[in-house]
Amino acid sequence: MKQDNLNKDVYENIHISDDMVDSLITDLNSGKRHSDMRFRYSTAILALIIVGVVGFGSIGAGAAYISYKNRLEEMTEQEQADYVQEWKEDDYNTVDESMTRSLTKEEDMRYLELEDEYYKNAVFPENILPHVKTLDEITDDELAFVEEINKIHIPDGELTDEQLLQLIDHEAKYLYTIEQNLEEMSEEPSPADEEVEEYSFNEEEDEFSFNEEDVYANFDVTPEEEQSAKELSISLVKKIYDVDIDDSWNIDIYGIDWSEAGELNEAWVCYEVTITESDAPRATMYQLSLPKNPGGLFSINCSGKKYYNDDTEYTKEEAEPFVEEGQQAALKCVREVFGLGTPDRIEIGKSMNGLGEEVPSSNIAYYLYYGEDAVIVIWNINNKQIYFVEGEGIL
């Protein structure tokens, strides 16, 4: 894309890109699910992430799906009350803050595997996670949610698979409780809710605002277009992430036209594709924007615990030793996937927060310029993986 279409220094924080925010807003309005393990579902981003997290996305009606949904719906009244109380007291921003200790990397990887078993194959714990009022009610080696500290007490020793399944079950019920309460709260919109929609972008004043009716419009996707977009998306995920997408994955495709927003044009008419491994809150997910018109905008990104199970972040100085490795990965990606040659120049983006301050990050953003147009490639230091690609006219 042309340089004047974005602020390069602020484009990537690099936890969530502007395009991901746009996509989240879009999918919120169409009832689609999003999740990112960097966030806990009690924060301000809750409304963007939580919608459909346990069943409103497109998914086959398999026995495992029905089983886990039934498990959530059939909680006892006491369980429901416990989770409502937990939600009301929750002011944590991350999953780690809600526990007395973080999971080890080994526990984290087993958690991910068992989470898939829970949501896909109805593998449940033998017992539910206990809710107790005080720490005095449990021993140091017991796993339980403790009301007085509003945290899950995690024993020091390595957690068993049963204990990890109890944590997974706890999170599923917790998210379900939030979802149910949000649905009740949203039945009667308040004046404050209506005001949230009044935004727009003034390029001269460098101010952003949003009015959904003016910014975008959905368009119908024919069965032929849907099949073509599906096949292309599966192929691109394989080429960029080396992941095989089979029929067990959830694939959702819809059309969106951003061309009436601000200075955008026909390049911003896209097929939006979301590919999700399961209904698990931190399941692997790929989001693609495929251009409807020749020369249009393309983007792809990945999310989920598979890609973000290491939260180590780096200052600019600490990231410097990894810049060359990431650059070679970015060049290899654009060469092998999109057939692009050597760029005219390469620039490195800064990781900025909303106040314009440079902050640590686990990602490095490369701006590969071909004339005035830039292909943006974001590479993750921790997993040595391409995270995001965007460019006009590269498909």
Foldseek 3Di string as FASTA:
>chain_A
DFPVVDDQQAQPLPPAGPVRVVVLVVCLVVQAAAFFQFWDCLDPCVSSHLRCLLHRADADPDPLSVLLVVVLVPDDPVVLVLLVLLSVPDDDTHLQVQEPHDADLVLLVLLVVVLCCCFPVVDAAPDAAAEEAAPVVDDLCHWHQYNVVSHTYHHPDHDDSNSSRNVQSVSVNNSVSVNVVVVVVPPDDDPVNVVQQFWAADVVVRGTIHHPVQFKDWDAADPVRVVVVVVVVQVLCCLAVVDHDDPNKRKDWTWMARQRGDPRHLLRTWIWIKIFNGSRNFTKIKIWTHRPDAQHKIKMFIHGCVVVVDFDWDAPVRCVVCVVLLVVSVQVSLCVPQVDDQAPDKDKHFNADPVRDGDTGQKIWIWRHHDSWTWIWIAGNPVRHTGMIMGTNRD
